[in-house]
Amino acid sequence: MSSGETPPARPVFRKLAIGVAIVCFVLAAIFGVAQPEDGLVAPGICLFVGFVVAVIGATGYWPPRRKV
């Protein structure tokens, strides 16, 4: 760790991030179907947050890092 790199997220937090991502995607679907007259603000926010935490859950990093 002396090279200055941050460690990836611990496995328990990666599993938690995947769960939060699933909840966000489900909420985006519910908001998109239940209240279409309100626009796409709530589903858009849920999709963005779901995407971010899904990447954290899959890779352990945000933003995703390339393997060299």
Protein backbone atom coordinates (compact mmCIF):
# COMPACT_ATOMS: atom_id res chain seq x y z
CA MET A 1 0.00 0.00 0.00
CA SER A 2 2.99 2.31 0.06
CA SER A 3 2.51 3.04 -3.66
CA GLY A 4 -0.36 5.40 -2.81
CA GLU A 5 -3.16 3.24 -4.22
CA THR A 6 -6.38 2.87 -2.32
CA PRO A 7 -7.53 -0.65 -1.49
CA PRO A 8 -10.75 -1.99 -3.03
CA ALA A 9 -13.94 -2.01 -1.01
CA ARG A 10 -14.20 -4.83 1.50
CA PRO A 11 -16.37 -7.80 0.49
CA VAL A 12 -19.16 -6.96 2.94
CA PHE A 13 -19.47 -3.46 1.49
CA ARG A 14 -19.40 -4.80 -2.05
CA LYS A 15 -22.33 -7.11 -1.22
CA LEU A 16 -24.14 -4.19 0.41
CA ALA A 17 -23.52 -2.06 -2.69
CA ILE A 18 -25.03 -4.74 -4.93
CA GLY A 19 -28.11 -4.86 -2.70
CA VAL A 20 -28.47 -1.07 -2.78
CA ALA A 21 -28.09 -1.13 -6.57
CA ILE A 22 -30.91 -3.66 -6.90
CA VAL A 23 -33.14 -1.54 -4.66
CA CYS A 24 -32.34 1.59 -6.70
CA PHE A 25 -33.15 -0.15 -10.00
CA VAL A 26 -36.45 -1.46 -8.61
CA LEU A 27 -37.34 2.01 -7.30
CA ALA A 28 -36.51 3.53 -10.69
CA ALA A 29 -38.89 1.08 -12.34
CA ILE A 30 -41.63 1.80 -9.80
CA PHE A 31 -41.21 5.58 -10.12
CA GLY A 32 -41.17 5.34 -13.90
CA VAL A 33 -44.38 3.32 -14.07
CA ALA A 34 -46.33 4.75 -11.14
CA GLN A 35 -45.79 8.48 -11.67
CA PRO A 36 -44.96 9.23 -15.32
CA GLU A 37 -46.50 12.73 -15.11
CA ASP A 38 -43.76 13.87 -12.70
CA GLY A 39 -41.09 13.50 -15.34
CA LEU A 40 -37.90 11.50 -15.23
CA VAL A 41 -36.14 13.16 -12.29
CA ALA A 42 -36.76 10.49 -9.65
CA PRO A 43 -36.13 7.51 -11.97
CA GLY A 44 -33.06 9.25 -13.37
CA ILE A 45 -31.58 9.80 -9.92
CA CYS A 46 -32.32 6.20 -8.92
CA LEU A 47 -30.72 4.88 -12.11
CA PHE A 48 -27.60 7.01 -11.63
CA VAL A 49 -27.15 5.98 -8.00
CA GLY A 50 -27.87 2.35 -8.92
CA PHE A 51 -25.23 2.47 -11.65
CA VAL A 52 -22.61 3.97 -9.33
CA VAL A 53 -23.14 1.46 -6.53
CA ALA A 54 -23.37 -1.42 -9.04
CA VAL A 55 -19.91 -0.50 -10.33
CA ILE A 56 -18.60 -0.33 -6.76
CA GLY A 57 -20.15 -3.72 -6.04
CA ALA A 58 -18.70 -5.28 -9.18
CA THR A 59 -15.21 -3.78 -9.11
CA GLY A 60 -14.65 -2.44 -5.61
CA TYR A 61 -13.74 1.00 -6.96
CA TRP A 62 -15.38 4.19 -8.17
CA PRO A 63 -14.59 5.27 -10.79
CA PRO A 64 -13.82 1.83 -12.22
CA ARG A 65 -10.12 1.11 -12.67
CA ARG A 66 -8.46 -0.68 -15.51
CA LYS A 67 -6.31 -3.66 -14.75
CA VAL A 68 -2.86 -3.06 -16.11
